[in-house]
Structures are given as structure tokens and as C-alpha cells.
Amino acid sequence: MSRSAHPAGPRHADVLPEGHYSAPPADLNALDAKVWAQTVSRDQDGVVTVGGIDVNRLAEEYGTPAYVIDEADFRSRARAWRTAFGTDADVFYAGKAFLSRAVVRWLHEEGLNLDVCSGGELATALSAGMPADRIAFHGNNKSPEEIERAIRAGVGRIVLDSFQEIVRVAHIARELGKRQRVQIRITVGVEAHTHEFIATAHEDQKFGIPLAGGQAAEAVRRALQLDSLELIGIHSHIGSQIFDMSGFEVAAHRVVGLLKDIRDEHGVELPEIDLGGGLGIAYTSDDDPREPHEIAKALNEIVTRECEAARLRTPRISVEPGRAIVGPTAFTLYEVGTIKPLDGLRTYVSVDGGMSDNIRTALYDAEYSVTLVSRTSDAGPMLARVVGKHCESGDIVVRDAFLPADLAPGDLIAVPATGAYCRSMASNYNHVLRPPVVAVHDGEARVIVRRETEEDLLRLDVG
């Protein structure tokens, strides 16, 4: 038995028999709009294009593997989230999904805020001109240096993740003569994934302060007593790749219950509630994500209903989509190197990348789609496993997929929905160079993150 795991991680998966896969699609040349960026199509010669540029040209100019991001699609999705939540709510793009200076500028221009969780992400945001007051700083173990830099820069909020951090941020803010706006991240005992949620025992994690046992209430009490902190709200995050809103309903009920307790004990109604991110995208045709306006409507209704029941003013809502914005906007372009049929099993298709540019399949058993993009084919389907070039048997990019039986070395194939976490989690395993990120828009392409070189690797090796 093996796990066919949910993209959030293998422990959330159903256990399925080895070799579990869907039937071959009716048309191997079709491009399912659910998993591809908005401007992706095939031209009259059958070559896939994005932003008006065909993939053969992209491969020739920028090499493979390469992450290709559709700028128009990114901007459209960012705008859809901003519009769905309106001016009475805040949308913070979760930078951990993928961050670069170009992305920061797109976010700024489209009116989104930015969530960072490290000093490096903060430096990227500030260097690209994101106003500091539109930045939220997350993390379960922020260093004193990171906190000081964030406060000096004037970040709009720091999300406090522990009792030690309450003291640490308050001390540094006082030393700098600042009053820092903060939220407290709590764990509400809910973890939601796809179509189920389990409301038990999920305080057992490294993030946040548990609601159980009065710990969150005590954290609030301490923060309210410190003059160098301005407590503006409560933060809650319940999971990743979520399609069902039921978990948010339970979480909102518990967060609002804490807000009511704060009002009753301290006479304070906190003005904000951040419900985190984790909203799902389509990695395969079987996934069915919600549109931003549906999510906004559901979350607003949930929070409003809970606040009315508790006789509280409805706080300003914040959300943190990352994957939901950038995930579908990009694909990874590979060249086929070797093809190895195994009779009665499957055909192994080796590409010029692998787990160094997409660790999610190996790490989470995540599922992806894959398509021949440099041409069309009338050949029948063959069951394939797309693997990388690394010296590792677990180096799998797409575990089970159907590709044309006439696939040959030199063909280009592409894996869609790789905008989130693939470049962010990329590595130099086996000293393989990390691919570039190429942005396309209206018939033009440009590198926004360049390909690593051997000189880059050797420059860090001071031995």
C-alpha cells in the first residue's frame, strides 16, 4: 500500500493501492483551463504558447528547465482577490509561495498587501518598494535582528507566535521608541484539508498559541499590558489546499468566542481578525477550487453571523492567499532526456530537472499534470512516470500520467500549476543549478529570477 497524498502533505491522504491513477484523457493534446494559466493555448502548429510566445522559442532563448509565469494571469488573480474582498477587508499575498522583486511590484500595483516570514523575504519586499505599512511579518522564531529591522522599517503588523515573542517584540519596540501594531496567532484546534476537517488535538504543532487551556487568553492579557504593543487582532490559520469552508466556520466560531471573552474581561473589542490562507487550486482536472468571490462571500457571512450571535461589532477581515494567486500562473518547462519502458508497469520519462526544482512530489506525494507542449501527437496514451536527473529513487516529478506513446528525447513537456512553492523550495541537490523564472506578457518575455550558474555555486564555496 502507498499513499496518494493530498498536496498539503501525506498524512492527510487516503491510502490507495499502488498504481492508483485515473483513466487516460480523451484527448492527450487538450489543455484543461483549470490547471493552466489564462493565456496558455496551442497555436496553429500545435505548439503551446503562453502570453503569445511559443514554448520552443522560450526553451531556445532561456533553456530548460525553466519556470514560466504568466504575468497577466498573476495580475488578474491578484485583482480578483482584491475586488472580491473590497475596501473593507485586507488581502495579504503570502510571499512564501513565491517571492521576487518583480512579484512585489505587481502586488503593489494591484493594491495587495504582503505577508513575509523571514528577514530575506522582508529584504526583498523593501528593496522592491513595497510600503512597509502594507507588510505583515510572520514566523514562529523571528530573530531579534529580524524584529528590529521590521520595527525600524515600520511594518504594518507583526504576528506574535509565542509568549517569548510577545516580550521580545515589546522590548525591541520600547528600545526603539516605537509602538508596534501586532496580532496574536492562535491555534484553534481545527485543521482543514479539502473536503474534511478534524476538530481535535491540532494544537500539537509549532505555530501559534493554543486556545485550549487559556493560553491564548493569557497571551492577550500580557500583550494588552505592554505599552509598546498595540494589539489589533487575532490571527488563525487552519491548513493548506482547502476547498471546503467548513473548517473556517469552526475556526471563526472559536476565534469570535475569544474576541467576546476579551471584550468581557478587558473591555476591548479588537478591530481585526485574520483567517489566514491555504485556499486550494487545481493541480489536476479532478480538483475543483472555489473562485475568490465565493470565498469572500462565505468568509464574510461566517464572521458576520458569529459576531452577531456574540453581540460583537464585525471586525475587519484579513486573508492571506499565496498559492491561490501564484500557483496556477506558472508551469515548469522540461526537455525529455531518456525514455525507459518497463513491460507491464509504466514508462519512465526522465527530464532535465527534478526534485531540485519541484520537491513537492517527493516531500508531500503531491499530484501534478503533465503535457507534451512542443508539438501535438496522434499516438495513443502510455502510462508514464516523469522523473528527474537526480541520484535519488524518490526523484519523481509526476508519479502517474498519460503521455503520447511516440514521446521522444528532445520533446518539451510542461507541468502546470507550479507557481507556488516550487521555486521557493528549490535546492542545489547534486549541485544542480536552480532554473530561471521567466515572465511572459503580451508577446514579450523577460527573466525575473536568473538561472544559477556554476560560478554562483563556487562563489559560496570558500574552501
Protein backbone atom coordinates (compact mmCIF):
# COMPACT_ATOMS: atom_id res chain seq x y z
CA MET A 1 0.00 0.00 0.00
CA SER A 2 1.16 3.52 -0.68
CA ARG A 3 -0.22 6.95 -0.06
CA SER A 4 -1.71 9.07 -2.79
CA ALA A 5 -1.39 12.15 -0.69
CA HIS A 6 -3.15 15.42 -0.63
CA PRO A 7 -0.86 18.27 -1.76
CA ALA A 8 -0.90 19.58 1.80
CA GLY A 9 1.03 16.53 2.91
CA PRO A 10 0.89 12.73 3.02
CA ARG A 11 -0.70 12.40 6.44
CA HIS A 12 -3.87 13.97 5.09
CA ALA A 13 -4.20 11.47 2.26
CA ASP A 14 -6.38 8.50 1.65
CA VAL A 15 -4.45 5.24 1.46
CA LEU A 16 -4.76 3.90 -2.06
CA PRO A 17 -3.38 0.82 -3.79
CA GLU A 18 -0.07 1.03 -5.60
CA GLY A 19 -0.54 2.11 -9.19
CA HIS A 20 -3.65 4.19 -8.49
CA TYR A 21 -4.25 6.53 -11.40
CA SER A 22 -7.11 7.91 -13.46
CA ALA A 23 -8.08 6.65 -16.90
CA PRO A 24 -6.30 8.30 -19.84
CA PRO A 25 -7.88 11.53 -21.05
CA ALA A 26 -9.93 11.52 -24.23
CA ASP A 27 -7.50 13.97 -25.85
CA LEU A 28 -3.84 13.97 -24.84
CA ASN A 29 -3.36 17.32 -26.61
CA ALA A 30 -6.09 19.12 -24.67
CA LEU A 31 -5.20 21.86 -22.18
CA ASP A 32 -7.55 21.92 -19.20
CA ALA A 33 -8.13 25.58 -18.34
CA LYS A 34 -8.43 24.67 -14.65
CA VAL A 35 -4.75 23.80 -14.37
CA TRP A 36 -3.15 26.13 -16.92
CA ALA A 37 -2.59 29.89 -16.84
CA GLN A 38 -5.14 32.02 -18.65
CA THR A 39 -3.11 32.85 -21.78
CA VAL A 40 -1.92 29.27 -22.42
CA SER A 41 -3.15 27.72 -25.68
CA ARG A 42 -1.90 25.81 -28.73
CA ASP A 43 -1.07 27.66 -31.93
CA GLN A 44 -1.96 26.52 -35.46
CA ASP A 45 1.10 24.25 -35.48
CA GLY A 46 0.09 22.57 -32.22
CA VAL A 47 2.81 24.21 -30.14
CA VAL A 48 1.78 25.50 -26.73
CA THR A 49 2.06 29.26 -26.31
CA VAL A 50 1.83 31.48 -23.25
CA GLY A 51 1.47 35.24 -23.37
CA GLY A 52 1.74 34.97 -27.16
CA ILE A 53 5.15 33.19 -27.09
CA ASP A 54 5.60 29.54 -28.01
CA VAL A 55 7.48 27.18 -25.72
CA ASN A 56 10.00 26.19 -28.37
CA ARG A 57 11.17 29.78 -28.51
CA LEU A 58 11.24 30.03 -24.71
CA ALA A 59 13.35 26.87 -24.48
CA GLU A 60 15.72 28.11 -27.16
CA GLU A 61 16.21 31.53 -25.53
CA TYR A 62 16.17 30.63 -21.83
CA GLY A 63 16.97 26.93 -21.70
CA THR A 64 15.28 24.20 -19.71
CA PRO A 65 14.19 23.55 -17.10
CA ALA A 66 12.55 26.91 -16.59
CA TYR A 67 9.64 28.25 -14.59
CA VAL A 68 7.40 30.24 -16.92
CA ILE A 69 4.99 32.67 -15.25
CA ASP A 70 2.09 34.40 -16.97
CA GLU A 71 2.19 37.98 -15.68
CA ALA A 72 -1.30 38.81 -16.97
CA ASP A 73 -2.71 35.77 -15.18
CA PHE A 74 -0.94 36.70 -11.93
CA ARG A 75 -2.25 40.25 -12.06
CA SER A 76 -5.76 39.06 -12.93
CA ARG A 77 -5.87 36.68 -9.97
CA ALA A 78 -4.48 39.30 -7.59
CA ARG A 79 -7.08 41.78 -8.83
CA ALA A 80 -9.87 39.20 -8.41
CA TRP A 81 -8.96 38.69 -4.75
CA ARG A 82 -8.73 42.43 -4.14
CA THR A 83 -12.11 43.01 -5.79
CA ALA A 84 -13.80 40.08 -4.05
CA PHE A 85 -12.95 41.31 -0.55
CA GLY A 86 -13.39 45.01 -1.28
CA THR A 87 -12.09 48.00 0.60
CA ASP A 88 -13.43 46.88 3.98
CA ALA A 89 -11.01 43.92 4.14
CA ASP A 90 -7.29 43.29 3.58
CA VAL A 91 -5.67 40.79 1.22
CA PHE A 92 -2.10 39.87 2.12
CA TYR A 93 -0.27 37.84 -0.53
CA ALA A 94 1.65 35.05 1.22
CA GLY A 95 5.19 35.63 -0.02
CA LYS A 96 6.38 32.16 0.97
CA ALA A 97 4.56 30.73 -2.07
CA PHE A 98 6.88 32.61 -4.42
CA LEU A 99 8.53 35.97 -3.99
CA SER A 100 10.71 38.10 -6.19
CA ARG A 101 11.11 41.83 -6.67
CA ALA A 102 9.02 41.72 -9.83
CA VAL A 103 6.22 39.96 -7.95
CA VAL A 104 6.40 42.57 -5.18
CA ARG A 105 5.97 45.32 -7.76
CA TRP A 106 2.97 43.53 -9.33
CA LEU A 107 1.35 43.20 -5.89
CA HIS A 108 1.97 46.85 -5.09
CA GLU A 109 0.47 47.96 -8.40
CA GLU A 110 -2.58 45.72 -7.96
CA GLY A 111 -3.26 47.02 -4.45
CA LEU A 112 -2.44 43.92 -2.41
CA ASN A 113 -0.54 43.78 0.85
CA LEU A 114 2.28 41.34 1.52
CA ASP A 115 2.91 38.70 4.18
CA VAL A 116 6.57 37.80 4.80
CA CYS A 117 8.01 35.24 7.20
CA SER A 118 11.78 35.80 7.18
CA GLY A 119 14.38 38.51 7.04
CA GLY A 120 15.15 37.60 3.43
CA GLU A 121 11.52 37.96 2.36
CA LEU A 122 11.34 41.27 4.22
CA ALA A 123 14.50 42.49 2.48
CA THR A 124 13.06 41.51 -0.92
CA ALA A 125 9.81 43.34 -0.20
CA LEU A 126 11.51 46.53 0.99
CA SER A 127 14.07 46.53 -1.84
CA ALA A 128 11.25 46.36 -4.40
CA GLY A 129 9.42 49.31 -2.91
CA MET A 130 6.52 47.70 -1.05
CA PRO A 131 5.38 50.26 1.55
CA ALA A 132 6.33 48.88 4.96
CA ASP A 133 2.92 49.63 6.45
CA ARG A 134 1.43 47.13 3.96
CA ILE A 135 3.69 44.31 5.16
CA ALA A 136 2.82 41.70 7.80
CA PHE A 137 5.69 39.79 9.41
CA HIS A 138 5.06 36.15 10.34
CA GLY A 139 7.28 33.39 11.71
CA ASN A 140 7.50 31.14 14.76
CA ASN A 141 11.07 32.12 15.68
CA LYS A 142 11.88 35.62 14.46
CA SER A 143 15.37 36.67 15.47
CA PRO A 144 15.94 39.91 17.42
CA GLU A 145 17.71 41.27 14.33
CA GLU A 146 14.73 40.48 12.11
CA ILE A 147 12.31 42.04 14.59
CA GLU A 148 14.42 45.18 14.92
CA ARG A 149 14.64 45.58 11.16
CA ALA A 150 10.88 45.13 10.80
CA ILE A 151 10.08 47.68 13.50
CA ARG A 152 12.62 50.21 12.17
CA ALA A 153 11.12 49.82 8.70
CA GLY A 154 7.63 50.42 10.07
CA VAL A 155 5.92 47.15 9.11
CA GLY A 156 2.16 47.33 9.48
CA ARG A 157 1.88 44.35 11.78
CA ILE A 158 3.97 41.69 13.43
CA VAL A 159 2.17 38.41 14.12
CA LEU A 160 3.19 37.19 17.58
CA ASP A 161 3.66 33.43 17.69
CA SER A 162 4.73 32.68 21.29
CA PHE A 163 4.92 34.11 24.80
CA GLN A 164 8.64 34.75 24.32
CA GLU A 165 7.92 36.74 21.19
CA ILE A 166 5.45 38.98 22.99
CA VAL A 167 8.24 40.02 25.33
CA ARG A 168 10.87 40.19 22.59
CA VAL A 169 8.87 42.43 20.26
CA ALA A 170 7.72 44.65 23.13
CA HIS A 171 11.28 45.09 24.40
CA ILE A 172 12.73 45.95 20.99
CA ALA A 173 9.89 48.34 20.20
CA ARG A 174 10.37 50.12 23.51
CA GLU A 175 14.12 50.42 22.93
CA LEU A 176 13.40 51.99 19.53
CA GLY A 177 10.78 54.33 20.96
CA LYS A 178 8.04 52.72 18.81
CA ARG A 179 4.57 51.35 19.43
CA GLN A 180 4.28 48.29 17.22
CA ARG A 181 0.97 47.01 15.85
CA VAL A 182 0.65 43.26 16.47
CA GLN A 183 -1.69 40.33 16.10
CA ILE A 184 -1.55 37.13 18.14
CA ARG A 185 -1.59 33.87 16.20
CA ILE A 186 -3.63 31.22 17.94
CA THR A 187 -4.28 27.56 17.21
CA VAL A 188 -7.97 26.83 17.49
CA GLY A 189 -7.96 23.01 17.37
CA VAL A 190 -9.09 22.85 13.75
CA GLU A 191 -7.11 21.62 10.78
CA ALA A 192 -8.88 21.65 7.44
CA HIS A 193 -7.90 19.91 4.22
CA THR A 194 -10.01 19.65 1.10
CA HIS A 195 -13.39 18.11 1.98
CA GLU A 196 -12.90 17.28 5.63
CA PHE A 197 -11.90 18.92 8.87
CA ILE A 198 -10.91 17.38 12.15
CA ALA A 199 -11.54 19.47 15.25
CA THR A 200 -9.32 17.56 17.65
CA ALA A 201 -5.82 17.84 19.05
CA HIS A 202 -4.25 20.08 16.43
CA GLU A 203 -2.61 22.28 19.00
CA ASP A 204 0.29 19.83 18.59
CA GLN A 205 2.25 22.00 16.13
CA LYS A 206 4.97 24.60 16.17
CA PHE A 207 2.81 27.55 15.10
CA GLY A 208 0.68 29.77 17.30
CA ILE A 209 -0.51 29.83 20.89
CA PRO A 210 -3.19 27.24 21.77
CA LEU A 211 -6.68 28.42 22.52
CA ALA A 212 -7.07 25.43 24.82
CA GLY A 213 -6.16 25.77 28.46
CA GLY A 214 -6.49 29.54 28.46
CA GLN A 215 -3.10 30.09 26.86
CA ALA A 216 -4.38 32.37 24.11
CA ALA A 217 -6.35 34.41 26.64
CA GLU A 218 -3.22 34.80 28.75
CA ALA A 219 -1.21 35.91 25.71
CA VAL A 220 -3.83 38.58 25.01
CA ARG A 221 -3.72 39.75 28.63
CA ARG A 222 0.05 40.15 28.52
CA ALA A 223 0.04 41.96 25.16
CA LEU A 224 -2.61 44.42 26.34
CA GLN A 225 -0.49 45.34 29.37
CA LEU A 226 2.55 46.34 27.29
CA ASP A 227 2.61 49.98 26.20
CA SER A 228 4.98 49.35 23.31
CA LEU A 229 2.49 46.96 21.67
CA GLU A 230 -0.82 47.85 20.02
CA LEU A 231 -2.84 44.64 19.82
CA ILE A 232 -5.08 44.97 16.77
CA GLY A 233 -6.40 41.44 16.30
CA ILE A 234 -6.28 37.68 16.34
CA HIS A 235 -4.74 35.50 13.63
CA SER A 236 -5.80 31.95 12.79
CA HIS A 237 -4.59 29.60 10.06
CA ILE A 238 -6.14 26.14 9.75
CA GLY A 239 -4.42 24.36 6.89
CA SER A 240 -3.42 24.18 3.25
CA GLN A 241 -5.04 23.43 -0.11
CA ILE A 242 -8.54 23.85 1.35
CA PHE A 243 -11.65 23.51 -0.81
CA ASP A 244 -14.33 23.12 1.89
CA MET A 245 -15.29 26.12 4.05
CA SER A 246 -16.49 24.00 6.99
CA GLY A 247 -13.18 24.26 8.80
CA PHE A 248 -13.27 28.06 8.55
CA GLU A 249 -16.72 28.03 10.13
CA VAL A 250 -15.50 26.13 13.18
CA ALA A 251 -12.35 28.27 13.43
CA ALA A 252 -14.30 31.53 13.16
CA HIS A 253 -16.68 30.41 15.89
CA ARG A 254 -13.76 29.80 18.24
CA VAL A 255 -11.89 32.99 17.33
CA VAL A 256 -15.02 35.09 17.82
CA GLY A 257 -15.54 33.35 21.15
CA LEU A 258 -12.09 34.56 22.18
CA LEU A 259 -12.91 38.09 20.99
CA LYS A 260 -16.04 38.03 23.15
CA ASP A 261 -14.01 36.89 26.17
CA ILE A 262 -11.52 39.71 25.56
CA ARG A 263 -14.32 42.26 25.47
CA ASP A 264 -15.95 40.89 28.61
CA GLU A 265 -12.70 40.70 30.60
CA HIS A 266 -10.77 43.71 29.31
CA GLY A 267 -13.45 45.97 27.85
CA VAL A 268 -11.69 45.92 24.46
CA GLU A 269 -13.14 44.92 21.09
CA LEU A 270 -10.21 44.07 18.84
CA PRO A 271 -10.75 45.54 15.37
CA GLU A 272 -9.27 42.80 13.17
CA ILE A 273 -9.41 39.07 12.52
CA ASP A 274 -7.05 37.33 10.11
CA LEU A 275 -8.29 33.96 8.84
CA GLY A 276 -5.03 33.04 7.12
CA GLY A 277 -4.71 31.38 3.74
CA GLY A 278 -4.49 27.82 2.49
CA LEU A 279 -7.15 28.14 -0.21
CA GLY A 280 -6.82 25.41 -2.80
CA ILE A 281 -6.00 25.36 -6.51
CA ALA A 282 -6.39 22.78 -9.27
CA TYR A 283 -3.27 20.67 -9.70
CA THR A 284 -5.18 18.11 -11.77
CA SER A 285 -8.53 18.08 -13.55
CA ASP A 286 -10.04 16.31 -10.54
CA ASP A 287 -9.56 19.37 -8.30
CA ASP A 288 -12.39 21.90 -8.04
CA PRO A 289 -11.28 25.12 -6.33
CA ARG A 290 -13.60 27.96 -5.40
CA GLU A 291 -13.47 31.38 -7.00
CA PRO A 292 -12.30 34.36 -4.88
CA HIS A 293 -15.78 35.93 -4.82
CA GLU A 294 -17.26 32.69 -3.48
CA ILE A 295 -14.61 32.51 -0.77
CA ALA A 296 -15.07 36.16 0.18
CA LYS A 297 -18.85 35.78 0.41
CA ALA A 298 -18.57 32.65 2.54
CA LEU A 299 -15.97 34.08 4.95
CA ASN A 300 -17.84 37.36 5.38
CA GLU A 301 -21.08 35.53 6.09
CA ILE A 302 -19.41 33.22 8.60
CA VAL A 303 -17.71 36.02 10.55
CA THR A 304 -20.76 38.30 10.47
CA ARG A 305 -23.04 35.54 11.72
CA GLU A 306 -20.69 34.59 14.54
CA CYS A 307 -20.21 38.21 15.63
CA GLU A 308 -23.94 38.90 15.61
CA ALA A 309 -24.50 35.86 17.82
CA ALA A 310 -21.79 37.11 20.21
CA ARG A 311 -23.10 40.72 20.04
CA LEU A 312 -19.76 41.99 18.76
CA ARG A 313 -19.03 44.55 16.09
CA THR A 314 -17.85 42.71 12.99
CA PRO A 315 -14.06 43.13 12.80
CA ARG A 316 -12.10 43.89 9.64
CA ILE A 317 -11.23 40.62 7.93
CA SER A 318 -7.82 39.77 6.51
CA VAL A 319 -6.90 36.79 4.34
CA GLU A 320 -3.55 35.53 3.06
CA PRO A 321 -3.79 33.80 -0.34
CA GLY A 322 -0.44 32.80 -1.78
CA ARG A 323 -0.77 29.54 -3.68
CA ALA A 324 -4.28 30.60 -4.79
CA ILE A 325 -2.79 33.57 -6.65
CA VAL A 326 0.57 32.40 -7.97
CA GLY A 327 0.12 28.63 -8.17
CA PRO A 328 -1.90 28.44 -11.41
CA THR A 329 0.02 31.24 -13.12
CA ALA A 330 3.16 29.23 -13.89
CA PHE A 331 4.34 25.98 -15.41
CA THR A 332 7.72 24.27 -15.46
CA LEU A 333 9.16 23.58 -18.90
CA TYR A 334 11.38 20.49 -19.27
CA GLU A 335 13.19 18.71 -22.08
CA VAL A 336 12.85 14.94 -22.28
CA GLY A 337 16.21 13.20 -21.98
CA THR A 338 15.67 9.45 -21.81
CA ILE A 339 12.65 7.14 -22.10
CA LYS A 340 12.69 3.76 -20.38
CA PRO A 341 9.71 1.40 -20.92
CA LEU A 342 9.17 -1.23 -18.24
CA ASP A 343 6.96 -4.01 -19.61
CA GLY A 344 3.71 -4.42 -17.74
CA LEU A 345 4.39 -1.45 -15.47
CA ARG A 346 4.93 2.01 -16.95
CA THR A 347 7.39 4.08 -18.95
CA TYR A 348 9.92 6.21 -17.12
CA VAL A 349 10.40 9.61 -18.76
CA SER A 350 13.49 11.41 -17.49
CA VAL A 351 13.70 15.19 -17.75
CA ASP A 352 16.47 17.71 -17.22
CA GLY A 353 15.18 18.88 -13.82
CA GLY A 354 13.58 17.03 -10.96
CA MET A 355 13.31 17.24 -7.20
CA SER A 356 15.66 20.22 -7.08
CA ASP A 357 13.06 22.35 -8.88
CA ASN A 358 9.95 20.59 -7.52
CA ILE A 359 10.39 18.83 -4.19
CA ARG A 360 6.65 18.68 -3.51
CA THR A 361 6.07 15.30 -5.15
CA ALA A 362 8.85 13.67 -3.13
CA LEU A 363 8.05 15.57 0.05
CA TYR A 364 4.25 15.52 0.04
CA ASP A 365 3.43 12.89 -2.60
CA ALA A 366 1.74 15.79 -4.40
CA GLU A 367 -0.08 15.15 -7.66
CA TYR A 368 0.53 17.09 -10.89
CA SER A 369 -0.48 17.01 -14.53
CA VAL A 370 1.95 16.92 -17.45
CA THR A 371 1.53 17.59 -21.18
CA LEU A 372 3.59 17.35 -24.36
CA VAL A 373 3.88 21.01 -25.39
CA SER A 374 6.40 21.28 -28.26
CA ARG A 375 4.02 19.57 -30.69
CA THR A 376 0.77 17.64 -30.86
CA SER A 377 0.56 13.88 -31.23
CA ASP A 378 -1.96 11.42 -32.64
CA ALA A 379 -0.32 8.49 -30.85
CA GLY A 380 -2.15 6.53 -28.21
CA PRO A 381 -1.57 7.04 -24.48
CA MET A 382 1.19 5.41 -22.49
CA LEU A 383 1.27 5.32 -18.71
CA ALA A 384 4.32 7.34 -17.73
CA ARG A 385 6.19 8.38 -14.63
CA VAL A 386 8.07 11.65 -15.10
CA VAL A 387 11.31 11.59 -13.13
CA GLY A 388 14.28 13.86 -12.69
CA LYS A 389 18.03 13.57 -13.18
CA HIS A 390 19.00 13.33 -9.50
CA CYS A 391 20.76 10.41 -7.89
CA GLU A 392 17.69 9.53 -5.84
CA SER A 393 14.99 6.91 -6.48
CA GLY A 394 12.39 9.26 -5.00
CA ASP A 395 13.18 11.91 -7.59
CA ILE A 396 9.69 11.95 -9.12
CA VAL A 397 8.05 14.95 -10.75
CA VAL A 398 4.74 13.39 -11.81
CA ARG A 399 4.00 9.99 -10.33
CA ASP A 400 1.46 8.71 -12.83
CA ALA A 401 0.34 10.41 -16.02
CA PHE A 402 -0.53 9.58 -19.61
CA LEU A 403 1.70 10.91 -22.37
CA PRO A 404 1.70 10.10 -26.10
CA ALA A 405 3.35 6.80 -26.93
CA ASP A 406 5.54 8.48 -29.57
CA LEU A 407 7.20 10.77 -27.00
CA ALA A 408 10.88 11.09 -27.87
CA PRO A 409 14.09 12.57 -26.42
CA GLY A 410 14.22 16.28 -27.20
CA ASP A 411 10.47 16.80 -26.84
CA LEU A 412 9.36 19.51 -24.45
CA ILE A 413 6.86 18.67 -21.74
CA ALA A 414 5.39 21.02 -19.16
CA VAL A 415 3.99 20.58 -15.67
CA PRO A 416 1.33 23.21 -14.89
CA ALA A 417 0.38 24.79 -11.55
CA THR A 418 3.98 25.04 -10.35
CA GLY A 419 3.94 28.73 -9.43
CA ALA A 420 3.68 28.08 -5.71
CA TYR A 421 6.42 26.56 -3.56
CA CYS A 422 8.43 25.03 -6.41
CA ARG A 423 10.97 27.85 -6.90
CA SER A 424 10.63 28.82 -3.23
CA MET A 425 11.64 25.33 -2.10
CA ALA A 426 14.16 24.68 -4.87
CA SER A 427 17.60 23.38 -3.91
CA ASN A 428 21.03 22.60 -5.32
CA TYR A 429 20.81 18.89 -4.60
CA ASN A 430 23.59 17.12 -6.53
CA HIS A 431 24.85 20.65 -7.28
CA VAL A 432 22.17 21.03 -9.91
CA LEU A 433 21.59 24.67 -10.84
CA ARG A 434 18.24 26.23 -9.96
CA PRO A 435 16.16 27.22 -13.02
CA PRO A 436 15.26 30.76 -14.00
CA VAL A 437 11.83 32.32 -13.65
CA VAL A 438 10.73 33.78 -16.97
CA ALA A 439 7.78 36.18 -17.00
CA VAL A 440 5.76 36.50 -20.19
CA HIS A 441 3.32 39.27 -21.04
CA ASP A 442 1.79 40.46 -24.32
CA GLY A 443 4.30 38.74 -26.58
CA GLU A 444 7.36 39.66 -24.56
CA ALA A 445 9.43 37.55 -22.18
CA ARG A 446 11.96 38.57 -19.58
CA VAL A 447 13.91 36.87 -16.82
CA ILE A 448 12.79 37.98 -13.36
CA VAL A 449 14.96 35.46 -11.49
CA ARG A 450 18.00 34.35 -13.47
CA ARG A 451 19.27 30.81 -13.80
CA GLU A 452 22.02 29.90 -11.37
CA THR A 453 25.48 29.34 -12.77
CA GLU A 454 28.39 27.18 -11.70
CA GLU A 455 30.11 30.43 -10.71
CA ASP A 456 27.25 31.08 -8.26
CA LEU A 457 27.84 27.69 -6.65
CA LEU A 458 31.60 28.06 -6.45
CA ARG A 459 31.40 31.63 -5.15
CA LEU A 460 29.78 30.32 -1.94
CA ASP A 461 32.31 27.51 -1.55
CA VAL A 462 35.18 29.25 0.21
CA GLY A 463 37.10 26.08 0.98
